[in-house]
């Protein structure tokens, strides 16, 4: 409830090797399951901010879905 109103983007990943960082492979491609708010996906790279931005209103509450992809 203390989150100021605005647009936010969320990125999540499953830390399979438990090192606290997103593992990447060749050319920086993620090697662990990862996803963006609104389940946005990019083509040839991450999605643009507008594609995964979530609007948070005056209540400070919002809901989004993040689908992890490998």
N, C-alpha and C. Protein backbone atom coordinates (compact mmCIF):
# COMPACT_ATOMS: atom_id res chain seq x y z
N UNK A 1 0.80 -1.22 0.00
CA UNK A 1 0.00 0.00 0.00
C UNK A 1 0.84 1.28 0.00
N UNK A 2 2.14 1.19 0.24
CA UNK A 2 2.99 2.38 0.26
C UNK A 2 3.66 2.67 -1.08
N UNK A 3 3.36 1.89 -2.09
CA UNK A 3 3.97 2.08 -3.40
C UNK A 3 3.34 3.31 -4.06
N UNK A 4 4.15 4.29 -4.45
CA UNK A 4 3.60 5.48 -5.10
C UNK A 4 2.97 5.13 -6.45
N UNK A 5 1.93 5.87 -6.81
CA UNK A 5 1.28 5.67 -8.10
C UNK A 5 2.30 5.90 -9.21
N UNK A 6 2.18 5.14 -10.28
CA UNK A 6 3.08 5.29 -11.42
C UNK A 6 3.11 4.02 -12.25
N UNK A 7 4.07 3.95 -13.15
CA UNK A 7 4.23 2.77 -14.00
C UNK A 7 5.48 2.03 -13.55
N UNK A 8 5.34 0.73 -13.40
CA UNK A 8 6.44 -0.12 -12.94
C UNK A 8 6.57 -1.31 -13.86
N UNK A 9 7.77 -1.83 -13.96
CA UNK A 9 8.02 -3.05 -14.71
C UNK A 9 8.70 -4.05 -13.80
N UNK A 10 8.28 -5.30 -13.88
CA UNK A 10 8.84 -6.36 -13.05
C UNK A 10 9.53 -7.40 -13.92
N UNK A 11 10.67 -7.85 -13.43
CA UNK A 11 11.41 -8.92 -14.08
C UNK A 11 11.69 -9.96 -13.01
N UNK A 12 11.41 -11.22 -13.31
CA UNK A 12 11.64 -12.29 -12.34
C UNK A 12 12.44 -13.40 -13.02
N UNK A 13 13.19 -14.13 -12.20
CA UNK A 13 13.87 -15.31 -12.73
C UNK A 13 13.97 -16.36 -11.65
N UNK A 14 14.10 -17.62 -12.09
CA UNK A 14 14.27 -18.73 -11.16
C UNK A 14 15.77 -19.00 -11.05
N UNK A 15 16.31 -18.79 -9.87
CA UNK A 15 17.74 -18.90 -9.62
C UNK A 15 18.13 -20.37 -9.41
N UNK A 16 18.27 -21.10 -10.50
CA UNK A 16 18.53 -22.54 -10.42
C UNK A 16 19.87 -22.88 -9.78
N UNK A 17 20.87 -22.02 -9.97
CA UNK A 17 22.19 -22.32 -9.39
C UNK A 17 22.40 -21.61 -8.05
N UNK A 18 21.36 -20.94 -7.56
CA UNK A 18 21.35 -20.33 -6.23
C UNK A 18 22.52 -19.38 -5.97
N UNK A 19 22.88 -18.58 -7.00
CA UNK A 19 23.98 -17.63 -6.81
C UNK A 19 23.50 -16.18 -6.73
N UNK A 20 22.19 -15.97 -6.77
CA UNK A 20 21.64 -14.62 -6.64
C UNK A 20 21.68 -13.80 -7.91
N UNK A 21 22.09 -14.39 -9.02
CA UNK A 21 22.20 -13.67 -10.29
C UNK A 21 21.59 -14.50 -11.41
N UNK A 22 21.10 -13.81 -12.43
CA UNK A 22 20.58 -14.48 -13.61
C UNK A 22 21.75 -15.02 -14.42
N UNK A 23 21.81 -16.33 -14.58
CA UNK A 23 22.87 -16.95 -15.38
C UNK A 23 22.58 -16.70 -16.85
N UNK A 24 23.62 -16.37 -17.60
CA UNK A 24 23.47 -16.14 -19.02
C UNK A 24 24.44 -17.01 -19.80
N UNK A 25 24.09 -17.25 -21.03
CA UNK A 25 24.93 -18.04 -21.91
C UNK A 25 25.53 -17.16 -22.99
N UNK A 26 25.73 -17.76 -24.13
CA UNK A 26 26.31 -17.08 -25.27
C UNK A 26 25.52 -15.82 -25.63
N UNK A 27 26.20 -14.72 -25.86
CA UNK A 27 25.61 -13.43 -26.23
C UNK A 27 24.68 -12.86 -25.16
N UNK A 28 24.83 -13.29 -23.90
CA UNK A 28 24.02 -12.76 -22.80
C UNK A 28 22.61 -13.29 -22.74
N UNK A 29 22.33 -14.35 -23.47
CA UNK A 29 20.99 -14.95 -23.47
C UNK A 29 20.77 -15.64 -22.13
N UNK A 30 19.66 -15.36 -21.44
CA UNK A 30 19.40 -15.97 -20.14
C UNK A 30 19.42 -17.50 -20.22
N UNK A 31 20.09 -18.11 -19.22
CA UNK A 31 20.19 -19.57 -19.17
C UNK A 31 19.30 -20.15 -18.06
N UNK A 32 18.52 -19.29 -17.40
CA UNK A 32 17.60 -19.73 -16.36
C UNK A 32 16.21 -19.21 -16.71
N UNK A 33 15.17 -19.89 -16.22
CA UNK A 33 13.81 -19.42 -16.50
C UNK A 33 13.64 -17.97 -16.03
N UNK A 34 13.01 -17.15 -16.88
CA UNK A 34 12.85 -15.73 -16.59
C UNK A 34 11.58 -15.21 -17.24
N UNK A 35 11.11 -14.07 -16.77
CA UNK A 35 9.91 -13.49 -17.36
C UNK A 35 9.73 -12.04 -16.94
N UNK A 36 8.80 -11.38 -17.62
CA UNK A 36 8.51 -9.97 -17.40
C UNK A 36 7.05 -9.81 -17.01
N UNK A 37 6.74 -8.73 -16.30
CA UNK A 37 5.35 -8.46 -15.96
C UNK A 37 4.51 -8.41 -17.24
N UNK A 38 3.23 -8.70 -17.06
CA UNK A 38 2.26 -8.81 -18.16
C UNK A 38 2.64 -9.94 -19.10
N UNK A 39 3.54 -10.84 -18.65
CA UNK A 39 4.02 -11.97 -19.45
C UNK A 39 4.51 -11.51 -20.82
N UNK A 40 5.07 -10.31 -20.86
CA UNK A 40 5.57 -9.74 -22.12
C UNK A 40 6.78 -10.53 -22.61
N UNK A 41 6.91 -10.62 -23.90
CA UNK A 41 8.06 -11.27 -24.51
C UNK A 41 8.58 -10.37 -25.62
N UNK A 42 9.87 -10.33 -25.73
CA UNK A 42 10.48 -9.56 -26.80
C UNK A 42 10.85 -10.47 -27.96
N UNK A 43 11.16 -9.86 -29.07
CA UNK A 43 11.68 -10.64 -30.19
C UNK A 43 13.10 -10.15 -30.42
N UNK A 44 14.03 -11.06 -30.39
CA UNK A 44 15.45 -10.75 -30.54
C UNK A 44 15.94 -9.84 -29.40
N UNK A 45 15.51 -10.12 -28.19
CA UNK A 45 15.92 -9.34 -27.02
C UNK A 45 14.76 -9.15 -26.07
N UNK A 46 14.99 -8.43 -25.00
CA UNK A 46 13.92 -8.21 -24.04
C UNK A 46 12.83 -7.30 -24.60
N UNK A 47 11.61 -7.38 -24.04
CA UNK A 47 10.55 -6.48 -24.50
C UNK A 47 10.85 -5.05 -24.09
N UNK A 48 10.25 -4.11 -24.77
CA UNK A 48 10.38 -2.71 -24.39
C UNK A 48 9.58 -2.43 -23.13
N UNK A 49 9.95 -1.39 -22.39
CA UNK A 49 9.29 -1.07 -21.13
C UNK A 49 7.79 -0.95 -21.29
N UNK A 50 7.31 -0.31 -22.34
CA UNK A 50 5.87 -0.13 -22.54
C UNK A 50 5.15 -1.47 -22.64
N UNK A 51 5.84 -2.50 -23.09
CA UNK A 51 5.24 -3.82 -23.23
C UNK A 51 5.05 -4.53 -21.89
N UNK A 52 5.88 -4.21 -20.89
CA UNK A 52 5.73 -4.90 -19.61
C UNK A 52 5.43 -3.96 -18.44
N UNK A 53 5.16 -2.70 -18.72
CA UNK A 53 4.82 -1.74 -17.66
C UNK A 53 3.45 -2.04 -17.07
N UNK A 54 3.35 -1.88 -15.76
CA UNK A 54 2.10 -2.08 -15.03
C UNK A 54 1.75 -0.76 -14.36
N UNK A 55 0.52 -0.31 -14.53
CA UNK A 55 0.07 0.93 -13.91
C UNK A 55 -0.37 0.66 -12.47
N UNK A 56 0.19 1.42 -11.55
CA UNK A 56 -0.19 1.34 -10.14
C UNK A 56 -0.93 2.62 -9.81
N UNK A 57 -2.16 2.48 -9.35
CA UNK A 57 -2.99 3.64 -9.04
C UNK A 57 -2.73 4.18 -7.64
N UNK A 58 -3.59 5.10 -7.22
CA UNK A 58 -3.44 5.76 -5.92
C UNK A 58 -3.51 4.78 -4.75
N UNK A 59 -4.16 3.63 -4.96
CA UNK A 59 -4.27 2.63 -3.89
C UNK A 59 -2.92 1.96 -3.61
N UNK A 60 -1.99 2.07 -4.56
CA UNK A 60 -0.68 1.43 -4.41
C UNK A 60 -0.72 -0.06 -4.66
N UNK A 61 -1.78 -0.54 -5.29
CA UNK A 61 -1.95 -1.97 -5.53
C UNK A 61 -2.14 -2.21 -7.02
N UNK A 62 -1.52 -3.28 -7.53
CA UNK A 62 -1.71 -3.70 -8.91
C UNK A 62 -1.51 -5.21 -8.98
N UNK A 63 -2.02 -5.81 -10.02
CA UNK A 63 -1.88 -7.25 -10.23
C UNK A 63 -1.32 -7.47 -11.62
N UNK A 64 -0.41 -8.41 -11.73
CA UNK A 64 0.14 -8.78 -13.04
C UNK A 64 0.49 -10.25 -13.03
N UNK A 65 0.73 -10.78 -14.19
CA UNK A 65 1.14 -12.17 -14.34
C UNK A 65 2.54 -12.20 -14.95
N UNK A 66 3.36 -13.10 -14.45
CA UNK A 66 4.70 -13.30 -15.02
C UNK A 66 4.85 -14.77 -15.33
N UNK A 67 5.00 -15.09 -16.61
CA UNK A 67 5.24 -16.48 -17.03
C UNK A 67 6.72 -16.64 -17.28
N UNK A 68 7.31 -17.59 -16.57
CA UNK A 68 8.73 -17.86 -16.76
C UNK A 68 8.93 -18.72 -18.00
N UNK A 69 9.90 -18.33 -18.82
CA UNK A 69 10.24 -19.10 -20.01
C UNK A 69 11.70 -19.52 -19.91
N UNK A 70 12.02 -20.63 -20.50
CA UNK A 70 13.40 -21.10 -20.47
C UNK A 70 14.12 -20.73 -21.74
